PDB file of all heavy atoms in Angstrom:
ATOM      1  N   GLY A   1       0.817  -1.188  -0.037  1.00  0.00           N
ATOM      2  CA  GLY A   1       0.058   0.024  -0.020  1.00  0.00           C
ATOM      3  C   GLY A   1       0.862   1.268  -0.008  1.00  0.00           C
ATOM      4  O   GLY A   1       0.505   2.226  -0.681  1.00  0.00           O
ATOM      5  N   LEU A   2       1.918   1.236   0.793  1.00  0.00           N
ATOM      6  CA  LEU A   2       2.810   2.418   0.835  1.00  0.00           C
ATOM      7  C   LEU A   2       3.448   2.666  -0.558  1.00  0.00           C
ATOM      8  O   LEU A   2       3.643   3.818  -1.013  1.00  0.00           O
ATOM      9  CB  LEU A   2       3.962   2.211   1.847  1.00  0.00           C
ATOM     10  CG  LEU A   2       3.509   2.380   3.303  1.00  0.00           C
ATOM     11  CD1 LEU A   2       4.714   1.976   4.209  1.00  0.00           C
ATOM     12  CD2 LEU A   2       3.210   3.874   3.558  1.00  0.00           C
ATOM     13  N   ALA A   3       3.843   1.522  -1.253  1.00  0.00           N
ATOM     14  CA  ALA A   3       4.456   1.647  -2.532  1.00  0.00           C
ATOM     15  C   ALA A   3       3.549   2.403  -3.502  1.00  0.00           C
ATOM     16  O   ALA A   3       3.927   3.310  -4.301  1.00  0.00           O
ATOM     17  CB  ALA A   3       4.854   0.281  -3.085  1.00  0.00           C
ATOM     18  N   ARG A   4       2.285   2.040  -3.522  1.00  0.00           N
ATOM     19  CA  ARG A   4       1.283   2.700  -4.421  1.00  0.00           C
ATOM     20  C   ARG A   4       1.059   4.130  -3.955  1.00  0.00           C
ATOM     21  O   ARG A   4       1.111   5.071  -4.833  1.00  0.00           O
ATOM     22  CB  ARG A   4       0.017   1.878  -4.397  1.00  0.00           C
ATOM     23  CG  ARG A   4       0.149   0.585  -5.073  1.00  0.00           C
ATOM     24  CD  ARG A   4      -1.310  -0.111  -5.295  1.00  0.00           C
ATOM     25  NE  ARG A   4      -1.899  -0.417  -4.037  1.00  0.00           N
ATOM     26  CZ  ARG A   4      -1.751  -1.597  -3.442  1.00  0.00           C
ATOM     27  NH1 ARG A   4      -1.017  -2.526  -4.006  1.00  0.00           N
ATOM     28  NH2 ARG A   4      -2.381  -1.846  -2.323  1.00  0.00           N
ATOM     29  N   ALA A   5       0.768   4.389  -2.635  1.00  0.00           N
ATOM     30  CA  ALA A   5       0.456   5.695  -2.163  1.00  0.00           C
ATOM     31  C   ALA A   5       1.624   6.704  -2.364  1.00  0.00           C
ATOM     32  O   ALA A   5       1.399   7.868  -2.850  1.00  0.00           O
ATOM     33  CB  ALA A   5       0.032   5.659  -0.733  1.00  0.00           C
ATOM     34  N   LEU A   6       2.783   6.287  -1.970  1.00  0.00           N
ATOM     35  CA  LEU A   6       3.966   7.169  -2.076  1.00  0.00           C
ATOM     36  C   LEU A   6       4.371   7.417  -3.461  1.00  0.00           C
ATOM     37  O   LEU A   6       4.741   8.530  -3.859  1.00  0.00           O
ATOM     38  CB  LEU A   6       5.126   6.604  -1.208  1.00  0.00           C
ATOM     39  CG  LEU A   6       4.923   6.590   0.306  1.00  0.00           C
ATOM     40  CD1 LEU A   6       6.133   5.810   0.943  1.00  0.00           C
ATOM     41  CD2 LEU A   6       4.736   7.959   0.835  1.00  0.00           C
ATOM     42  N   GLY A   7       4.241   6.390  -4.321  1.00  0.00           N
ATOM     43  CA  GLY A   7       4.546   6.568  -5.731  1.00  0.00           C
ATOM     44  C   GLY A   7       3.629   7.603  -6.341  1.00  0.00           C
ATOM     45  O   GLY A   7       4.020   8.421  -7.159  1.00  0.00           O
ATOM     46  N   ALA A   8       2.327   7.582  -5.994  1.00  0.00           N
ATOM     47  CA  ALA A   8       1.332   8.544  -6.512  1.00  0.00           C
ATOM     48  C   ALA A   8       1.632   9.951  -5.986  1.00  0.00           C
ATOM     49  O   ALA A   8       1.265  10.899  -6.573  1.00  0.00           O
ATOM     50  CB  ALA A   8      -0.052   8.152  -6.126  1.00  0.00           C
ATOM     51  N   SER A   9       2.405  10.080  -4.908  1.00  0.00           N
ATOM     52  CA  SER A   9       2.732  11.328  -4.300  1.00  0.00           C
ATOM     53  C   SER A   9       4.083  11.896  -4.774  1.00  0.00           C
ATOM     54  O   SER A   9       4.386  12.940  -4.371  1.00  0.00           O
ATOM     55  CB  SER A   9       2.749  11.228  -2.767  1.00  0.00           C
ATOM     56  OG  SER A   9       1.537  10.885  -2.226  1.00  0.00           O
ATOM     57  N   GLY A  10       4.760  11.134  -5.597  1.00  0.00           N
ATOM     58  CA  GLY A  10       5.982  11.536  -6.171  1.00  0.00           C
ATOM     59  C   GLY A  10       7.282  11.006  -5.581  1.00  0.00           C
ATOM     60  O   GLY A  10       8.338  11.362  -5.939  1.00  0.00           O
ATOM     61  N   LEU A  11       7.093  10.084  -4.648  1.00  0.00           N
ATOM     62  CA  LEU A  11       8.254   9.419  -4.068  1.00  0.00           C
ATOM     63  C   LEU A  11       8.369   8.019  -4.577  1.00  0.00           C
ATOM     64  O   LEU A  11       7.517   7.171  -4.363  1.00  0.00           O
ATOM     65  CB  LEU A  11       8.161   9.382  -2.517  1.00  0.00           C
ATOM     66  CG  LEU A  11       9.380   8.889  -1.788  1.00  0.00           C
ATOM     67  CD1 LEU A  11      10.524   9.932  -1.795  1.00  0.00           C
ATOM     68  CD2 LEU A  11       9.064   8.449  -0.364  1.00  0.00           C
ATOM     69  N   ARG A  12       9.496   7.721  -5.225  1.00  0.00           N
ATOM     70  CA  ARG A  12       9.660   6.382  -5.837  1.00  0.00           C
ATOM     71  C   ARG A  12      10.017   5.434  -4.704  1.00  0.00           C
ATOM     72  O   ARG A  12      10.851   5.641  -3.843  1.00  0.00           O
ATOM     73  CB  ARG A  12      10.767   6.388  -6.849  1.00  0.00           C
ATOM     74  CG  ARG A  12      10.447   7.238  -8.087  1.00  0.00           C
ATOM     75  CD  ARG A  12      11.567   7.038  -9.142  1.00  0.00           C
ATOM     76  NE  ARG A  12      11.489   5.701  -9.632  1.00  0.00           N
ATOM     77  CZ  ARG A  12      12.549   5.102 -10.164  1.00  0.00           C
ATOM     78  NH1 ARG A  12      13.753   5.705 -10.177  1.00  0.00           N
ATOM     79  NH2 ARG A  12      12.414   3.909 -10.684  1.00  0.00           N
ATOM     80  N   VAL A  13       9.356   4.263  -4.700  1.00  0.00           N
ATOM     81  CA  VAL A  13       9.542   3.249  -3.673  1.00  0.00           C
ATOM     82  C   VAL A  13      10.141   2.022  -4.473  1.00  0.00           C
ATOM     83  O   VAL A  13       9.642   1.535  -5.425  1.00  0.00           O
ATOM     84  CB  VAL A  13       8.269   2.833  -2.993  1.00  0.00           C
ATOM     85  CG1 VAL A  13       8.512   1.766  -2.001  1.00  0.00           C
ATOM     86  CG2 VAL A  13       7.656   4.089  -2.284  1.00  0.00           C
ATOM     87  N   GLY A  14      11.277   1.504  -3.966  1.00  0.00           N
ATOM     88  CA  GLY A  14      11.943   0.387  -4.559  1.00  0.00           C
ATOM     89  C   GLY A  14      12.140  -0.693  -3.414  1.00  0.00           C
ATOM     90  O   GLY A  14      11.714  -0.548  -2.271  1.00  0.00           O
ATOM     91  N   GLY A  15      12.823  -1.796  -3.844  1.00  0.00           N
ATOM     92  CA  GLY A  15      13.140  -2.836  -2.848  1.00  0.00           C
ATOM     93  C   GLY A  15      12.324  -4.098  -3.166  1.00  0.00           C
ATOM     94  O   GLY A  15      11.741  -4.348  -4.171  1.00  0.00           O
ATOM     95  N   ILE A  16      12.231  -4.946  -2.170  1.00  0.00           N
ATOM     96  CA  ILE A  16      11.637  -6.267  -2.268  1.00  0.00           C
ATOM     97  C   ILE A  16      10.526  -6.477  -1.216  1.00  0.00           C
ATOM     98  O   ILE A  16      10.733  -6.180  -0.068  1.00  0.00           O
ATOM     99  CB  ILE A  16      12.675  -7.375  -2.057  1.00  0.00           C
ATOM    100  CG1 ILE A  16      13.747  -7.303  -3.197  1.00  0.00           C
ATOM    101  CG2 ILE A  16      12.092  -8.731  -2.082  1.00  0.00           C
ATOM    102  CD1 ILE A  16      13.255  -7.602  -4.611  1.00  0.00           C
ATOM    103  N   ALA A  17       9.383  -6.896  -1.792  1.00  0.00           N
ATOM    104  CA  ALA A  17       8.294  -7.361  -0.886  1.00  0.00           C
ATOM    105  C   ALA A  17       8.143  -8.855  -1.071  1.00  0.00           C
ATOM    106  O   ALA A  17       8.555  -9.443  -2.067  1.00  0.00           O
ATOM    107  CB  ALA A  17       6.964  -6.625  -1.171  1.00  0.00           C
ATOM    108  N   SER A  18       7.550  -9.532  -0.042  1.00  0.00           N
ATOM    109  CA  SER A  18       7.392 -10.960  -0.153  1.00  0.00           C
ATOM    110  C   SER A  18       5.932 -11.378   0.101  1.00  0.00           C
ATOM    111  O   SER A  18       5.631 -11.976   1.170  1.00  0.00           O
ATOM    112  CB  SER A  18       8.316 -11.594   0.922  1.00  0.00           C
ATOM    113  OG  SER A  18       9.705 -11.242   0.713  1.00  0.00           O
ATOM    114  N   PRO A  19       5.114 -11.172  -0.836  1.00  0.00           N
ATOM    115  CA  PRO A  19       3.738 -11.568  -0.695  1.00  0.00           C
ATOM    116  C   PRO A  19       3.650 -13.082  -0.663  1.00  0.00           C
ATOM    117  O   PRO A  19       4.341 -13.794  -1.352  1.00  0.00           O
ATOM    118  CB  PRO A  19       2.976 -10.974  -1.938  1.00  0.00           C
ATOM    119  CG  PRO A  19       4.060 -10.782  -2.942  1.00  0.00           C
ATOM    120  CD  PRO A  19       5.287 -10.449  -2.174  1.00  0.00           C
ATOM    121  N   LEU A  20       2.695 -13.637   0.099  1.00  0.00           N
ATOM    122  CA  LEU A  20       2.541 -15.068   0.146  1.00  0.00           C
ATOM    123  C   LEU A  20       1.151 -15.543  -0.142  1.00  0.00           C
ATOM    124  O   LEU A  20       0.238 -14.800  -0.162  1.00  0.00           O
ATOM    125  CB  LEU A  20       3.017 -15.533   1.581  1.00  0.00           C
ATOM    126  CG  LEU A  20       2.285 -15.007   2.803  1.00  0.00           C
ATOM    127  CD1 LEU A  20       0.981 -15.661   3.110  1.00  0.00           C
ATOM    128  CD2 LEU A  20       3.249 -15.174   4.056  1.00  0.00           C
ATOM    129  N   GLU A  21       1.060 -16.787  -0.439  1.00  0.00           N
ATOM    130  CA  GLU A  21      -0.210 -17.468  -0.661  1.00  0.00           C
ATOM    131  C   GLU A  21      -0.490 -18.339   0.509  1.00  0.00           C
ATOM    132  O   GLU A  21       0.351 -19.134   1.009  1.00  0.00           O
ATOM    133  CB  GLU A  21      -0.156 -18.290  -1.957  1.00  0.00           C
ATOM    134  CG  GLU A  21       0.149 -17.491  -3.190  1.00  0.00           C
ATOM    135  CD  GLU A  21       0.358 -18.384  -4.444  1.00  0.00           C
ATOM    136  OE1 GLU A  21      -0.017 -19.570  -4.366  1.00  0.00           O
ATOM    137  OE2 GLU A  21       0.841 -17.897  -5.416  1.00  0.00           O
ATOM    138  N   ARG A  22      -1.717 -18.203   0.991  1.00  0.00           N
ATOM    139  CA  ARG A  22      -2.111 -19.093   2.126  1.00  0.00           C
ATOM    140  C   ARG A  22      -3.197 -20.126   1.722  1.00  0.00           C
ATOM    141  O   ARG A  22      -3.939 -19.924   0.838  1.00  0.00           O
ATOM    142  CB  ARG A  22      -2.705 -18.247   3.308  1.00  0.00           C
ATOM    143  CG  ARG A  22      -1.729 -17.258   3.860  1.00  0.00           C
ATOM    144  CD  ARG A  22      -2.325 -16.516   5.129  1.00  0.00           C
ATOM    145  NE  ARG A  22      -1.389 -15.533   5.637  1.00  0.00           N
ATOM    146  CZ  ARG A  22      -0.489 -15.799   6.489  1.00  0.00           C
ATOM    147  NH1 ARG A  22      -0.292 -17.011   6.909  1.00  0.00           N
ATOM    148  NH2 ARG A  22       0.292 -14.818   6.959  1.00  0.00           N
ATOM    149  N   GLY A  23      -3.169 -21.287   2.399  1.00  0.00           N
ATOM    150  CA  GLY A  23      -4.171 -22.231   2.220  1.00  0.00           C
ATOM    151  C   GLY A  23      -5.481 -21.876   2.958  1.00  0.00           C
ATOM    152  O   GLY A  23      -5.580 -20.859   3.634  1.00  0.00           O
ATOM    153  N   ARG A  24      -6.437 -22.719   2.849  1.00  0.00           N
ATOM    154  CA  ARG A  24      -7.697 -22.470   3.477  1.00  0.00           C
ATOM    155  C   ARG A  24      -7.610 -22.498   5.002  1.00  0.00           C
ATOM    156  O   ARG A  24      -8.388 -21.831   5.695  1.00  0.00           O
ATOM    157  CB  ARG A  24      -8.722 -23.578   3.109  1.00  0.00           C
ATOM    158  CG  ARG A  24      -9.121 -23.550   1.638  1.00  0.00           C
ATOM    159  CD  ARG A  24     -10.157 -24.580   1.268  1.00  0.00           C
ATOM    160  NE  ARG A  24     -10.530 -24.558  -0.114  1.00  0.00           N
ATOM    161  CZ  ARG A  24     -11.421 -25.377  -0.638  1.00  0.00           C
ATOM    162  NH1 ARG A  24     -11.953 -26.282   0.061  1.00  0.00           N
ATOM    163  NH2 ARG A  24     -11.701 -25.251  -1.952  1.00  0.00           N
ATOM    164  N   ASP A  25      -6.553 -23.095   5.496  1.00  0.00           N
ATOM    165  CA  ASP A  25      -6.404 -23.088   6.957  1.00  0.00           C
ATOM    166  C   ASP A  25      -5.494 -21.888   7.470  1.00  0.00           C
ATOM    167  O   ASP A  25      -5.285 -21.756   8.648  1.00  0.00           O
ATOM    168  CB  ASP A  25      -5.707 -24.440   7.438  1.00  0.00           C
ATOM    169  CG  ASP A  25      -4.392 -24.597   6.732  1.00  0.00           C
ATOM    170  OD1 ASP A  25      -3.913 -23.750   5.920  1.00  0.00           O
ATOM    171  OD2 ASP A  25      -3.677 -25.672   6.971  1.00  0.00           O
ATOM    172  N   GLY A  26      -5.180 -20.989   6.523  1.00  0.00           N
ATOM    173  CA  GLY A  26      -4.413 -19.822   6.799  1.00  0.00           C
ATOM    174  C   GLY A  26      -2.916 -19.995   6.818  1.00  0.00           C
ATOM    175  O   GLY A  26      -2.132 -19.082   6.983  1.00  0.00           O
ATOM    176  N   ARG A  27      -2.405 -21.254   6.688  1.00  0.00           N
ATOM    177  CA  ARG A  27      -1.007 -21.453   6.644  1.00  0.00           C
ATOM    178  C   ARG A  27      -0.422 -21.180   5.325  1.00  0.00           C
ATOM    179  O   ARG A  27      -0.943 -21.351   4.260  1.00  0.00           O
ATOM    180  CB  ARG A  27      -0.722 -22.929   6.979  1.00  0.00           C
ATOM    181  CG  ARG A  27      -1.068 -23.300   8.426  1.00  0.00           C
ATOM    182  CD  ARG A  27      -0.979 -24.810   8.650  1.00  0.00           C
ATOM    183  NE  ARG A  27      -1.226 -25.134  10.049  1.00  0.00           N
ATOM    184  CZ  ARG A  27      -1.579 -26.355  10.474  1.00  0.00           C
ATOM    185  NH1 ARG A  27      -1.750 -27.304   9.602  1.00  0.00           N
ATOM    186  NH2 ARG A  27      -1.686 -26.572  11.769  1.00  0.00           N
ATOM    187  N   PRO A  28       0.880 -20.615   5.314  1.00  0.00           N
ATOM    188  CA  PRO A  28       1.534 -20.260   4.102  1.00  0.00           C
ATOM    189  C   PRO A  28       1.764 -21.451   3.150  1.00  0.00           C
ATOM    190  O   PRO A  28       2.282 -22.508   3.674  1.00  0.00           O
ATOM    191  CB  PRO A  28       2.891 -19.682   4.545  1.00  0.00           C
ATOM    192  CG  PRO A  28       2.657 -19.276   5.952  1.00  0.00           C
ATOM    193  CD  PRO A  28       1.707 -20.291   6.526  1.00  0.00           C
ATOM    194  N   LEU A  29       1.480 -21.345   1.861  1.00  0.00           N
ATOM    195  CA  LEU A  29       1.763 -22.329   0.940  1.00  0.00           C
ATOM    196  C   LEU A  29       2.974 -22.033   0.053  1.00  0.00           C
ATOM    197  O   LEU A  29       3.707 -22.850  -0.403  1.00  0.00           O
ATOM    198  CB  LEU A  29       0.586 -22.646   0.005  1.00  0.00           C
ATOM    199  CG  LEU A  29      -0.705 -23.125   0.698  1.00  0.00           C
ATOM    200  CD1 LEU A  29      -1.890 -23.244  -0.278  1.00  0.00           C
ATOM    201  CD2 LEU A  29      -0.456 -24.463   1.295  1.00  0.00           C
ATOM    202  N   ALA A  30       3.073 -20.738  -0.214  1.00  0.00           N
ATOM    203  CA  ALA A  30       4.203 -20.206  -1.097  1.00  0.00           C
ATOM    204  C   ALA A  30       4.498 -18.804  -0.850  1.00  0.00           C
ATOM    205  O   ALA A  30       3.633 -18.129  -0.368  1.00  0.00           O
ATOM    206  CB  ALA A  30       3.790 -20.430  -2.606  1.00  0.00           C
ATOM    207  N   ILE A  31       5.699 -18.410  -1.140  1.00  0.00           N
ATOM    208  CA  ILE A  31       6.140 -17.014  -0.960  1.00  0.00           C
ATOM    209  C   ILE A  31       6.744 -16.552  -2.281  1.00  0.00           C
ATOM    210  O   ILE A  31       7.502 -17.294  -2.947  1.00  0.00           O
ATOM    211  CB  ILE A  31       7.129 -16.900   0.110  1.00  0.00           C
ATOM    212  CG1 ILE A  31       6.595 -17.451   1.508  1.00  0.00           C
ATOM    213  CG2 ILE A  31       7.589 -15.430   0.372  1.00  0.00           C
ATOM    214  CD1 ILE A  31       7.605 -17.496   2.581  1.00  0.00           C
ATOM    215  N   ASP A  32       6.474 -15.320  -2.716  1.00  0.00           N
ATOM    216  CA  ASP A  32       7.043 -14.713  -3.902  1.00  0.00           C
ATOM    217  C   ASP A  32       8.025 -13.560  -3.481  1.00  0.00           C
ATOM    218  O   ASP A  32       7.839 -13.067  -2.412  1.00  0.00           O
ATOM    219  CB  ASP A  32       6.014 -14.159  -4.850  1.00  0.00           C
ATOM    220  CG  ASP A  32       5.279 -15.163  -5.585  1.00  0.00           C
ATOM    221  OD1 ASP A  32       5.684 -16.388  -5.592  1.00  0.00           O
ATOM    222  OD2 ASP A  32       4.220 -14.867  -6.243  1.00  0.00           O
ATOM    223  N   ALA A  33       8.952 -13.259  -4.349  1.00  0.00           N
ATOM    224  CA  ALA A  33       9.759 -12.068  -4.133  1.00  0.00           C
ATOM    225  C   ALA A  33       9.252 -11.083  -5.253  1.00  0.00           C
ATOM    226  O   ALA A  33       9.240 -11.426  -6.421  1.00  0.00           O
ATOM    227  CB  ALA A  33      11.232 -12.353  -4.351  1.00  0.00           C
ATOM    228  N   LEU A  34       8.875  -9.887  -4.845  1.00  0.00           N
ATOM    229  CA  LEU A  34       8.309  -8.898  -5.715  1.00  0.00           C
ATOM    230  C   LEU A  34       9.204  -7.658  -5.754  1.00  0.00           C
ATOM    231  O   LEU A  34       9.509  -7.030  -4.726  1.00  0.00           O
ATOM    232  CB  LEU A  34       6.941  -8.477  -5.253  1.00  0.00           C
ATOM    233  CG  LEU A  34       6.241  -7.255  -5.931  1.00  0.00           C
ATOM    234  CD1 LEU A  34       5.992  -7.564  -7.409  1.00  0.00           C
ATOM    235  CD2 LEU A  34       4.938  -6.913  -5.182  1.00  0.00           C
TER     236      LEU A  34
END
């Protein structure tokens, strides 16, 4: 959310985020590097 909001305000945001996918039980199934 910060990457989108700050980018729209003129501040470039870089780096790595690690969004994950969870199963129906809430446990992590996979992690991506973004």
